[in-house]
Amino acid sequence: MSKSPMPPTLELVRGESLLGTIAVRPGEKDYPWYSGTFTPTEAFEPLRGLFAEELELLQANTDDDDAKWDVWEDIHSELHGPGMALRSLDGKFEAKEILVHLDGAEAWWRIN
């Protein structure tokens, strides 16, 4: 993880694909979580359903069921398999160990 402060705009990348940009909301962080507004690119569209499924599984597991976590882990691994990262537009900030959730234009993430 970069030691730089959180930049105002981040790119969400998966492998070599730019999935979209996130306008970071300053002051709206519940450490270790950050939030912002997500603007997708065309490369995001094939993954929209996986992101929706990941979030649905996460929110539905209110009883902390291990079997449900296993299903969530499979989806998470599929999303992150090619390498998911957040990076600044100027390249001075990059975080590869992330957990990111998307719900429409809402994004929230943490850096592990």
C-alpha atoms as a PDB file:
ATOM      1  CA  MET A   1       0.000   0.000   0.000  1.00  0.00           C
ATOM      2  CA  SER A   2       1.131   3.494  -0.749  1.00  0.00           C
ATOM      3  CA  LYS A   3       1.888   5.850   2.119  1.00  0.00           C
ATOM      4  CA  SER A   4       0.346   8.743   0.171  1.00  0.00           C
ATOM      5  CA  PRO A   5      -2.922  10.279   1.369  1.00  0.00           C
ATOM      6  CA  MET A   6      -6.099   9.168  -0.379  1.00  0.00           C
ATOM      7  CA  PRO A   7      -6.256  11.013  -3.719  1.00  0.00           C
ATOM      8  CA  PRO A   8      -9.469  12.829  -4.744  1.00  0.00           C
ATOM      9  CA  THR A   9     -10.023  10.510  -7.732  1.00  0.00           C
ATOM     10  CA  LEU A  10      -9.181   6.835  -8.042  1.00  0.00           C
ATOM     11  CA  GLU A  11      -9.250   4.392 -10.907  1.00  0.00           C
ATOM     12  CA  LEU A  12     -10.623   0.913 -10.201  1.00  0.00           C
ATOM     13  CA  VAL A  13      -8.663  -1.544 -12.316  1.00  0.00           C
ATOM     14  CA  ARG A  14      -8.915  -5.294 -12.748  1.00  0.00           C
ATOM     15  CA  GLY A  15      -5.953  -6.805 -14.524  1.00  0.00           C
ATOM     16  CA  GLU A  16      -5.344  -4.447 -17.427  1.00  0.00           C
ATOM     17  CA  SER A  17      -8.951  -3.190 -17.586  1.00  0.00           C
ATOM     18  CA  LEU A  18     -10.105   0.146 -16.230  1.00  0.00           C
ATOM     19  CA  LEU A  19     -13.496  -0.591 -14.659  1.00  0.00           C
ATOM     20  CA  GLY A  20     -14.250   2.997 -13.715  1.00  0.00           C
ATOM     21  CA  THR A  21     -13.311   5.979 -11.619  1.00  0.00           C
ATOM     22  CA  ILE A  22     -14.241   6.858  -8.061  1.00  0.00           C
ATOM     23  CA  ALA A  23     -14.626  10.434  -6.846  1.00  0.00           C
ATOM     24  CA  VAL A  24     -13.523  10.101  -3.225  1.00  0.00           C
ATOM     25  CA  ARG A  25     -15.722  11.804  -0.670  1.00  0.00           C
ATOM     26  CA  PRO A  26     -13.381  13.626   1.679  1.00  0.00           C
ATOM     27  CA  GLY A  27     -14.432  13.517   5.291  1.00  0.00           C
ATOM     28  CA  GLU A  28     -16.851  10.634   4.661  1.00  0.00           C
ATOM     29  CA  LYS A  29     -14.721   7.805   5.881  1.00  0.00           C
ATOM     30  CA  ASP A  30     -15.455   5.378   8.648  1.00  0.00           C
ATOM     31  CA  TYR A  31     -11.895   4.133   9.020  1.00  0.00           C
ATOM     32  CA  PRO A  32     -10.798   1.737   7.676  1.00  0.00           C
ATOM     33  CA  TRP A  33     -13.574   2.253   5.096  1.00  0.00           C
ATOM     34  CA  TYR A  34     -13.643   4.994   2.467  1.00  0.00           C
ATOM     35  CA  SER A  35     -16.508   5.977   0.187  1.00  0.00           C
ATOM     36  CA  GLY A  36     -17.085   7.731  -3.099  1.00  0.00           C
ATOM     37  CA  THR A  37     -19.084   7.983  -6.289  1.00  0.00           C
ATOM     38  CA  PHE A  38     -18.364   5.332  -8.928  1.00  0.00           C
ATOM     39  CA  THR A  39     -18.513   6.088 -12.643  1.00  0.00           C
ATOM     40  CA  PRO A  40     -18.180   2.874 -14.679  1.00  0.00           C
ATOM     41  CA  THR A  41     -16.505   2.341 -18.034  1.00  0.00           C
ATOM     42  CA  GLU A  42     -17.684  -0.134 -20.669  1.00  0.00           C
ATOM     43  CA  ALA A  43     -15.228  -2.679 -19.218  1.00  0.00           C
ATOM     44  CA  PHE A  44     -17.312  -2.760 -16.024  1.00  0.00           C
ATOM     45  CA  GLU A  45     -20.513  -3.952 -17.716  1.00  0.00           C
ATOM     46  CA  PRO A  46     -19.593  -7.667 -17.982  1.00  0.00           C
ATOM     47  CA  LEU A  47     -18.791  -7.618 -14.236  1.00  0.00           C
ATOM     48  CA  ARG A  48     -21.807  -5.646 -13.022  1.00  0.00           C
ATOM     49  CA  GLY A  49     -23.707  -8.828 -12.140  1.00  0.00           C
ATOM     50  CA  LEU A  50     -20.767 -10.289 -10.185  1.00  0.00           C
ATOM     51  CA  PHE A  51     -20.390  -7.102  -8.133  1.00  0.00           C
ATOM     52  CA  ALA A  52     -24.148  -7.132  -7.446  1.00  0.00           C
ATOM     53  CA  GLU A  53     -24.043 -10.805  -6.442  1.00  0.00           C
ATOM     54  CA  GLU A  54     -21.030 -10.220  -4.154  1.00  0.00           C
ATOM     55  CA  LEU A  55     -22.829  -7.407  -2.344  1.00  0.00           C
ATOM     56  CA  GLU A  56     -26.091  -9.351  -2.089  1.00  0.00           C
ATOM     57  CA  LEU A  57     -24.312 -12.360  -0.572  1.00  0.00           C
ATOM     58  CA  LEU A  58     -22.453 -10.121   1.877  1.00  0.00           C
ATOM     59  CA  GLN A  59     -25.594  -8.332   3.033  1.00  0.00           C
ATOM     60  CA  ALA A  60     -27.683 -11.519   3.217  1.00  0.00           C
ATOM     61  CA  ASN A  61     -25.307 -13.376   5.536  1.00  0.00           C
ATOM     62  CA  THR A  62     -26.711 -11.863   8.719  1.00  0.00           C
ATOM     63  CA  ASP A  63     -26.369 -15.140  10.626  1.00  0.00           C
ATOM     64  CA  ASP A  64     -22.616 -15.443   9.813  1.00  0.00           C
ATOM     65  CA  ASP A  65     -23.167 -18.805   8.088  1.00  0.00           C
ATOM     66  CA  ASP A  66     -19.838 -20.382   7.052  1.00  0.00           C
ATOM     67  CA  ALA A  67     -21.384 -22.006   3.959  1.00  0.00           C
ATOM     68  CA  LYS A  68     -22.635 -18.593   2.795  1.00  0.00           C
ATOM     69  CA  TRP A  69     -19.180 -17.122   3.391  1.00  0.00           C
ATOM     70  CA  ASP A  70     -17.724 -19.863   1.190  1.00  0.00           C
ATOM     71  CA  VAL A  71     -20.029 -18.826  -1.672  1.00  0.00           C
ATOM     72  CA  TRP A  72     -19.114 -15.165  -1.093  1.00  0.00           C
ATOM     73  CA  GLU A  73     -15.392 -16.075  -1.126  1.00  0.00           C
ATOM     74  CA  ASP A  74     -15.824 -17.803  -4.500  1.00  0.00           C
ATOM     75  CA  ILE A  75     -17.412 -14.688  -6.041  1.00  0.00           C
ATOM     76  CA  HIS A  76     -14.834 -12.422  -4.395  1.00  0.00           C
ATOM     77  CA  SER A  77     -12.002 -14.594  -5.759  1.00  0.00           C
ATOM     78  CA  GLU A  78     -13.514 -14.521  -9.246  1.00  0.00           C
ATOM     79  CA  LEU A  79     -13.693 -10.714  -9.134  1.00  0.00           C
ATOM     80  CA  HIS A  80     -10.206 -10.242  -7.724  1.00  0.00           C
ATOM     81  CA  GLY A  81      -8.479 -13.105  -9.562  1.00  0.00           C
ATOM     82  CA  PRO A  82      -7.005 -11.006 -12.385  1.00  0.00           C
ATOM     83  CA  GLY A  83      -5.788  -8.462  -9.813  1.00  0.00           C
ATOM     84  CA  MET A  84      -8.011  -5.674  -8.494  1.00  0.00           C
ATOM     85  CA  ALA A  85      -6.441  -2.346  -7.547  1.00  0.00           C
ATOM     86  CA  LEU A  86      -7.170   1.267  -6.847  1.00  0.00           C
ATOM     87  CA  ARG A  87      -4.748   3.816  -8.264  1.00  0.00           C
ATOM     88  CA  SER A  88      -4.490   7.560  -8.629  1.00  0.00           C
ATOM     89  CA  LEU A  89      -4.657   9.206 -12.012  1.00  0.00           C
ATOM     90  CA  ASP A  90      -1.053  10.421 -11.648  1.00  0.00           C
ATOM     91  CA  GLY A  91       0.249   6.970 -10.649  1.00  0.00           C
ATOM     92  CA  LYS A  92       1.601   8.129  -7.276  1.00  0.00           C
ATOM     93  CA  PHE A  93      -0.906   6.024  -5.306  1.00  0.00           C
ATOM     94  CA  GLU A  94      -1.750   2.354  -5.795  1.00  0.00           C
ATOM     95  CA  ALA A  95      -3.436  -0.143  -3.471  1.00  0.00           C
ATOM     96  CA  LYS A  96      -3.621  -3.793  -4.540  1.00  0.00           C
ATOM     97  CA  GLU A  97      -4.832  -5.367  -1.300  1.00  0.00           C
ATOM     98  CA  ILE A  98      -8.372  -3.987  -1.312  1.00  0.00           C
ATOM     99  CA  LEU A  99     -11.924  -4.945  -0.524  1.00  0.00           C
ATOM    100  CA  VAL A 100     -14.339  -2.935  -2.663  1.00  0.00           C
ATOM    101  CA  HIS A 101     -18.135  -2.954  -2.862  1.00  0.00           C
ATOM    102  CA  LEU A 102     -20.248  -1.255  -5.519  1.00  0.00           C
ATOM    103  CA  ASP A 103     -23.956  -0.488  -5.396  1.00  0.00           C
ATOM    104  CA  GLY A 104     -24.958   1.571  -8.416  1.00  0.00           C
ATOM    105  CA  ALA A 105     -22.955   4.787  -8.180  1.00  0.00           C
ATOM    106  CA  GLU A 106     -21.990   4.121  -4.553  1.00  0.00           C
ATOM    107  CA  ALA A 107     -18.541   2.715  -3.832  1.00  0.00           C
ATOM    108  CA  TRP A 108     -16.950   1.867  -0.519  1.00  0.00           C
ATOM    109  CA  TRP A 109     -13.651   0.168   0.077  1.00  0.00           C
ATOM    110  CA  ARG A 110     -10.912  -0.575   2.515  1.00  0.00           C
ATOM    111  CA  ILE A 111      -7.249  -1.149   1.998  1.00  0.00           C
ATOM    112  CA  ASN A 112      -5.927  -4.253   3.717  1.00  0.00           C
END
